[in-house]
Amino acid sequence: MSKLWLAVGVLLFAYAVEIGQYYNLVHHLGLRGNRLAEIVIGMGFTWTDMLAYMLGAICVYILESKRSINTLS
């Protein structure tokens, strides 16, 4: 799997979790009060998290791309 597709896949997964928080997924699944579910799924949506996930994916992709170039030379 290419580094780009892996980074995009992880980013989409993070976005899916965050969107689940936006729509209060824990409540809709009947898991409110279940501490483990609240930690794993999360309870609060923020746009700054979405930005942080995007910037993190970009940084990791760039660093991994540079690392693979350095190991080839």
C-alpha atoms as a PDB file:
ATOM      1  CA  MET A   1       0.000   0.000   0.000  1.00  0.00           C
ATOM      2  CA  SER A   2       1.360   3.417  -0.868  1.00  0.00           C
ATOM      3  CA  LYS A   3       2.177   5.904   1.852  1.00  0.00           C
ATOM      4  CA  LEU A   4      -0.316   8.385   0.405  1.00  0.00           C
ATOM      5  CA  TRP A   5      -3.245   5.938   0.492  1.00  0.00           C
ATOM      6  CA  LEU A   6      -2.320   4.838   3.996  1.00  0.00           C
ATOM      7  CA  ALA A   7      -2.224   8.460   5.207  1.00  0.00           C
ATOM      8  CA  VAL A   8      -5.570   9.185   3.514  1.00  0.00           C
ATOM      9  CA  GLY A   9      -7.119   6.054   5.041  1.00  0.00           C
ATOM     10  CA  VAL A  10      -5.984   6.932   8.549  1.00  0.00           C
ATOM     11  CA  LEU A  11      -7.189  10.512   8.062  1.00  0.00           C
ATOM     12  CA  LEU A  12     -10.625   9.323   6.893  1.00  0.00           C
ATOM     13  CA  PHE A  13     -10.859   7.008   9.908  1.00  0.00           C
ATOM     14  CA  ALA A  14     -10.026   9.907  12.251  1.00  0.00           C
ATOM     15  CA  TYR A  15     -12.621  12.061  10.492  1.00  0.00           C
ATOM     16  CA  ALA A  16     -15.206   9.285  10.872  1.00  0.00           C
ATOM     17  CA  VAL A  17     -14.585   9.126  14.615  1.00  0.00           C
ATOM     18  CA  GLU A  18     -14.867  12.892  14.884  1.00  0.00           C
ATOM     19  CA  ILE A  19     -18.094  12.926  12.847  1.00  0.00           C
ATOM     20  CA  GLY A  20     -19.427  10.240  15.180  1.00  0.00           C
ATOM     21  CA  GLN A  21     -18.726  12.631  18.038  1.00  0.00           C
ATOM     22  CA  TYR A  22     -20.527  15.430  16.201  1.00  0.00           C
ATOM     23  CA  TYR A  23     -23.651  13.284  15.880  1.00  0.00           C
ATOM     24  CA  ASN A  24     -23.339  12.076  19.491  1.00  0.00           C
ATOM     25  CA  LEU A  25     -22.792   8.446  18.497  1.00  0.00           C
ATOM     26  CA  VAL A  26     -22.290   7.271  22.086  1.00  0.00           C
ATOM     27  CA  HIS A  27     -25.798   8.440  22.980  1.00  0.00           C
ATOM     28  CA  HIS A  28     -27.394   6.932  19.854  1.00  0.00           C
ATOM     29  CA  LEU A  29     -25.745   3.570  20.549  1.00  0.00           C
ATOM     30  CA  GLY A  30     -27.115   3.640  24.097  1.00  0.00           C
ATOM     31  CA  LEU A  31     -23.625   3.747  25.610  1.00  0.00           C
ATOM     32  CA  ARG A  32     -23.874   6.989  27.573  1.00  0.00           C
ATOM     33  CA  GLY A  33     -22.348   6.383  30.982  1.00  0.00           C
ATOM     34  CA  ASN A  34     -20.102   3.608  29.639  1.00  0.00           C
ATOM     35  CA  ARG A  35     -16.726   5.172  30.407  1.00  0.00           C
ATOM     36  CA  LEU A  36     -14.789   2.969  27.978  1.00  0.00           C
ATOM     37  CA  ALA A  37     -17.123   3.811  25.072  1.00  0.00           C
ATOM     38  CA  GLU A  38     -16.976   7.505  25.941  1.00  0.00           C
ATOM     39  CA  ILE A  39     -13.171   7.407  25.869  1.00  0.00           C
ATOM     40  CA  VAL A  40     -12.781   5.290  22.720  1.00  0.00           C
ATOM     41  CA  ILE A  41     -15.530   6.908  20.621  1.00  0.00           C
ATOM     42  CA  GLY A  42     -15.276  10.307  22.259  1.00  0.00           C
ATOM     43  CA  MET A  43     -17.854  12.785  23.436  1.00  0.00           C
ATOM     44  CA  GLY A  44     -16.969  16.135  21.907  1.00  0.00           C
ATOM     45  CA  PHE A  45     -16.543  17.328  18.332  1.00  0.00           C
ATOM     46  CA  THR A  46     -14.182  20.207  17.590  1.00  0.00           C
ATOM     47  CA  TRP A  47     -13.027  21.668  14.299  1.00  0.00           C
ATOM     48  CA  THR A  48      -9.538  22.064  15.734  1.00  0.00           C
ATOM     49  CA  ASP A  49      -9.319  18.264  16.063  1.00  0.00           C
ATOM     50  CA  MET A  50     -10.186  17.935  12.373  1.00  0.00           C
ATOM     51  CA  LEU A  51      -7.420  20.407  11.521  1.00  0.00           C
ATOM     52  CA  ALA A  52      -4.950  18.629  13.799  1.00  0.00           C
ATOM     53  CA  TYR A  53      -5.709  15.258  12.167  1.00  0.00           C
ATOM     54  CA  MET A  54      -5.158  16.753   8.714  1.00  0.00           C
ATOM     55  CA  LEU A  55      -1.891  18.450   9.665  1.00  0.00           C
ATOM     56  CA  GLY A  56      -0.688  15.301  11.406  1.00  0.00           C
ATOM     57  CA  ALA A  57      -1.425  13.145   8.358  1.00  0.00           C
ATOM     58  CA  ILE A  58       0.400  15.604   6.101  1.00  0.00           C
ATOM     59  CA  CYS A  59       3.430  15.738   8.409  1.00  0.00           C
ATOM     60  CA  VAL A  60       3.671  11.964   8.741  1.00  0.00           C
ATOM     61  CA  TYR A  61       3.316  11.519   4.970  1.00  0.00           C
ATOM     62  CA  ILE A  62       6.074  14.047   4.271  1.00  0.00           C
ATOM     63  CA  LEU A  63       8.403  12.585   6.909  1.00  0.00           C
ATOM     64  CA  GLU A  64       7.831   9.013   5.721  1.00  0.00           C
ATOM     65  CA  SER A  65       8.357  10.040   2.101  1.00  0.00           C
ATOM     66  CA  LYS A  66      11.660  11.715   2.983  1.00  0.00           C
ATOM     67  CA  ARG A  67      12.704   8.722   5.060  1.00  0.00           C
ATOM     68  CA  SER A  68      12.091   6.302   2.198  1.00  0.00           C
ATOM     69  CA  ILE A  69      14.090   8.543  -0.175  1.00  0.00           C
ATOM     70  CA  ASN A  70      17.014   8.625   2.288  1.00  0.00           C
ATOM     71  CA  THR A  71      17.029   4.847   2.715  1.00  0.00           C
ATOM     72  CA  LEU A  72      17.155   4.333  -1.071  1.00  0.00           C
ATOM     73  CA  SER A  73      20.238   6.518  -1.540  1.00  0.00           C
END
